[in-house]
């Protein structure tokens, strides 16, 4: 690990023999950099393509008071959900949690 990211030692060999080694990027991120969000900060900082990751379920983006899709890409994707986000199977289930917001304004656009 260098600068809070995981690196593939077969691609970027380390000279420091005290560097912790992990079998996968998932393990490196969860155990070696546990203070970072596994998929968002650690994977992205380590050069992993985030496209295709995510559950495609919906979560509440409280900063914008909207429901966003757990995916990377154009709206309604809002980026990958954090581990503390509650995921909802449909946009209707998510929007029901924001009942004071009209349906048209509820989904990230």
C-alpha atoms as a PDB file:
ATOM      1  CA  UNK A   1       0.000   0.000   0.000  1.00  0.00           C
ATOM      2  CA  UNK A   2       1.240   3.413  -0.921  1.00  0.00           C
ATOM      3  CA  UNK A   3      -0.550   6.704  -0.277  1.00  0.00           C
ATOM      4  CA  UNK A   4      -3.713   4.980   1.028  1.00  0.00           C
ATOM      5  CA  UNK A   5      -4.255   2.696  -1.914  1.00  0.00           C
ATOM      6  CA  UNK A   6      -3.740  -0.945  -2.695  1.00  0.00           C
ATOM      7  CA  UNK A   7      -1.298  -1.914  -5.413  1.00  0.00           C
ATOM      8  CA  UNK A   8      -0.695  -5.134  -7.272  1.00  0.00           C
ATOM      9  CA  UNK A   9       2.828  -6.170  -6.244  1.00  0.00           C
ATOM     10  CA  UNK A  10       3.312  -8.109  -9.476  1.00  0.00           C
ATOM     11  CA  UNK A  11       2.737  -4.850 -11.404  1.00  0.00           C
ATOM     12  CA  UNK A  12       4.241  -2.333  -8.956  1.00  0.00           C
ATOM     13  CA  UNK A  13       6.729  -4.246  -6.796  1.00  0.00           C
ATOM     14  CA  UNK A  14       7.515  -2.832  -3.375  1.00  0.00           C
ATOM     15  CA  UNK A  15      11.021  -2.405  -2.040  1.00  0.00           C
ATOM     16  CA  UNK A  16       9.737  -2.363   1.535  1.00  0.00           C
ATOM     17  CA  UNK A  17       9.667  -5.965   2.801  1.00  0.00           C
ATOM     18  CA  UNK A  18       7.532  -4.901   5.786  1.00  0.00           C
ATOM     19  CA  UNK A  19       4.625  -4.006   3.485  1.00  0.00           C
ATOM     20  CA  UNK A  20       1.535  -6.075   4.231  1.00  0.00           C
ATOM     21  CA  UNK A  21       0.487  -8.402   1.415  1.00  0.00           C
ATOM     22  CA  UNK A  22      -3.083  -9.471   0.669  1.00  0.00           C
ATOM     23  CA  UNK A  23      -4.559 -12.085  -1.665  1.00  0.00           C
ATOM     24  CA  UNK A  24      -7.056  -9.710  -3.285  1.00  0.00           C
ATOM     25  CA  UNK A  25      -7.867  -6.038  -3.627  1.00  0.00           C
ATOM     26  CA  UNK A  26     -11.057  -6.655  -1.637  1.00  0.00           C
ATOM     27  CA  UNK A  27      -9.042  -7.981   1.315  1.00  0.00           C
ATOM     28  CA  UNK A  28      -6.476  -5.206   1.022  1.00  0.00           C
ATOM     29  CA  UNK A  29      -9.215  -2.570   1.069  1.00  0.00           C
ATOM     30  CA  UNK A  30     -11.234  -4.102   3.910  1.00  0.00           C
ATOM     31  CA  UNK A  31      -8.313  -5.059   6.153  1.00  0.00           C
ATOM     32  CA  UNK A  32      -5.471  -2.763   5.144  1.00  0.00           C
ATOM     33  CA  UNK A  33      -7.470   0.408   4.529  1.00  0.00           C
ATOM     34  CA  UNK A  34     -10.553  -0.201   6.633  1.00  0.00           C
ATOM     35  CA  UNK A  35     -11.105   3.514   7.296  1.00  0.00           C
ATOM     36  CA  UNK A  36     -11.845   4.093   3.597  1.00  0.00           C
ATOM     37  CA  UNK A  37     -15.106   3.094   1.958  1.00  0.00           C
ATOM     38  CA  UNK A  38     -14.168  -0.220   0.364  1.00  0.00           C
ATOM     39  CA  UNK A  39     -15.609   0.261  -3.088  1.00  0.00           C
ATOM     40  CA  UNK A  40     -15.557   4.006  -3.490  1.00  0.00           C
ATOM     41  CA  UNK A  41     -12.325   5.403  -2.073  1.00  0.00           C
ATOM     42  CA  UNK A  42     -10.096   2.352  -1.920  1.00  0.00           C
ATOM     43  CA  UNK A  43     -11.029   0.752  -5.235  1.00  0.00           C
ATOM     44  CA  UNK A  44     -11.054   4.055  -7.114  1.00  0.00           C
ATOM     45  CA  UNK A  45      -7.758   5.156  -5.560  1.00  0.00           C
ATOM     46  CA  UNK A  46      -6.268   1.823  -6.540  1.00  0.00           C
ATOM     47  CA  UNK A  47      -7.221   2.240 -10.188  1.00  0.00           C
ATOM     48  CA  UNK A  48     -10.131  -0.207 -10.274  1.00  0.00           C
ATOM     49  CA  UNK A  49     -12.824   0.577 -12.864  1.00  0.00           C
ATOM     50  CA  UNK A  50     -16.007   1.090 -10.840  1.00  0.00           C
ATOM     51  CA  UNK A  51     -18.341   0.723 -13.829  1.00  0.00           C
ATOM     52  CA  UNK A  52     -20.582  -2.278 -13.306  1.00  0.00           C
ATOM     53  CA  UNK A  53     -20.166  -2.329  -9.533  1.00  0.00           C
ATOM     54  CA  UNK A  54     -23.131  -1.645  -7.298  1.00  0.00           C
ATOM     55  CA  UNK A  55     -26.429  -3.320  -6.571  1.00  0.00           C
ATOM     56  CA  UNK A  56     -28.674  -1.163  -8.799  1.00  0.00           C
ATOM     57  CA  UNK A  57     -30.876  -0.665  -5.741  1.00  0.00           C
ATOM     58  CA  UNK A  58     -31.768   2.785  -4.430  1.00  0.00           C
ATOM     59  CA  UNK A  59     -30.506   4.693  -1.396  1.00  0.00           C
ATOM     60  CA  UNK A  60     -31.241   8.107   0.060  1.00  0.00           C
ATOM     61  CA  UNK A  61     -28.738  10.821  -0.783  1.00  0.00           C
ATOM     62  CA  UNK A  62     -29.487  12.930   2.290  1.00  0.00           C
ATOM     63  CA  UNK A  63     -27.324  15.851   1.143  1.00  0.00           C
ATOM     64  CA  UNK A  64     -29.573  16.331  -1.914  1.00  0.00           C
ATOM     65  CA  UNK A  65     -32.747  14.839  -0.403  1.00  0.00           C
ATOM     66  CA  UNK A  66     -33.166  12.486  -3.342  1.00  0.00           C
ATOM     67  CA  UNK A  67     -33.066   8.788  -4.037  1.00  0.00           C
ATOM     68  CA  UNK A  68     -30.049   7.682  -6.037  1.00  0.00           C
ATOM     69  CA  UNK A  69     -29.253   4.362  -7.664  1.00  0.00           C
ATOM     70  CA  UNK A  70     -26.314   2.351  -6.284  1.00  0.00           C
ATOM     71  CA  UNK A  71     -24.222   2.451  -9.461  1.00  0.00           C
ATOM     72  CA  UNK A  72     -21.577   4.479 -11.279  1.00  0.00           C
ATOM     73  CA  UNK A  73     -22.670   6.393 -14.347  1.00  0.00           C
ATOM     74  CA  UNK A  74     -25.314   8.847 -15.449  1.00  0.00           C
ATOM     75  CA  UNK A  75     -28.358   9.689 -13.329  1.00  0.00           C
ATOM     76  CA  UNK A  76     -30.176   8.147 -11.630  1.00  0.00           C
ATOM     77  CA  UNK A  77     -26.838   6.618 -10.552  1.00  0.00           C
ATOM     78  CA  UNK A  78     -25.545   8.460  -7.526  1.00  0.00           C
ATOM     79  CA  UNK A  79     -22.293   6.612  -7.068  1.00  0.00           C
ATOM     80  CA  UNK A  80     -21.775   3.531  -4.985  1.00  0.00           C
ATOM     81  CA  UNK A  81     -23.686   3.335  -1.726  1.00  0.00           C
ATOM     82  CA  UNK A  82     -21.754   3.475   1.511  1.00  0.00           C
ATOM     83  CA  UNK A  83     -21.996   0.573   3.956  1.00  0.00           C
ATOM     84  CA  UNK A  84     -24.293   2.644   6.211  1.00  0.00           C
ATOM     85  CA  UNK A  85     -26.807   3.410   3.435  1.00  0.00           C
ATOM     86  CA  UNK A  86     -30.080   1.496   3.574  1.00  0.00           C
ATOM     87  CA  UNK A  87     -30.824   0.001   0.152  1.00  0.00           C
ATOM     88  CA  UNK A  88     -34.342  -0.124  -1.300  1.00  0.00           C
ATOM     89  CA  UNK A  89     -35.345  -2.495  -4.092  1.00  0.00           C
ATOM     90  CA  UNK A  90     -37.291   0.086  -6.078  1.00  0.00           C
ATOM     91  CA  UNK A  91     -37.383   3.836  -6.488  1.00  0.00           C
ATOM     92  CA  UNK A  92     -40.934   3.819  -5.091  1.00  0.00           C
ATOM     93  CA  UNK A  93     -39.747   2.164  -1.860  1.00  0.00           C
ATOM     94  CA  UNK A  94     -36.970   4.725  -1.546  1.00  0.00           C
ATOM     95  CA  UNK A  95     -39.199   7.702  -2.349  1.00  0.00           C
ATOM     96  CA  UNK A  96     -41.708   6.529   0.276  1.00  0.00           C
ATOM     97  CA  UNK A  97     -39.014   7.406   2.839  1.00  0.00           C
ATOM     98  CA  UNK A  98     -38.958  10.981   1.471  1.00  0.00           C
ATOM     99  CA  UNK A  99     -42.737  11.390   1.449  1.00  0.00           C
ATOM    100  CA  UNK A 100     -42.571  15.213   1.665  1.00  0.00           C
ATOM    101  CA  UNK A 101     -40.785  15.384  -1.702  1.00  0.00           C
ATOM    102  CA  UNK A 102     -42.827  15.070  -4.924  1.00  0.00           C
ATOM    103  CA  UNK A 103     -42.101  11.858  -6.863  1.00  0.00           C
ATOM    104  CA  UNK A 104     -40.701  13.762  -9.882  1.00  0.00           C
ATOM    105  CA  UNK A 105     -38.166  15.511  -7.645  1.00  0.00           C
ATOM    106  CA  UNK A 106     -37.385  12.444  -5.564  1.00  0.00           C
ATOM    107  CA  UNK A 107     -35.250  10.505  -8.073  1.00  0.00           C
ATOM    108  CA  UNK A 108     -31.811  11.863  -8.943  1.00  0.00           C
ATOM    109  CA  UNK A 109     -31.975  13.314 -12.438  1.00  0.00           C
END
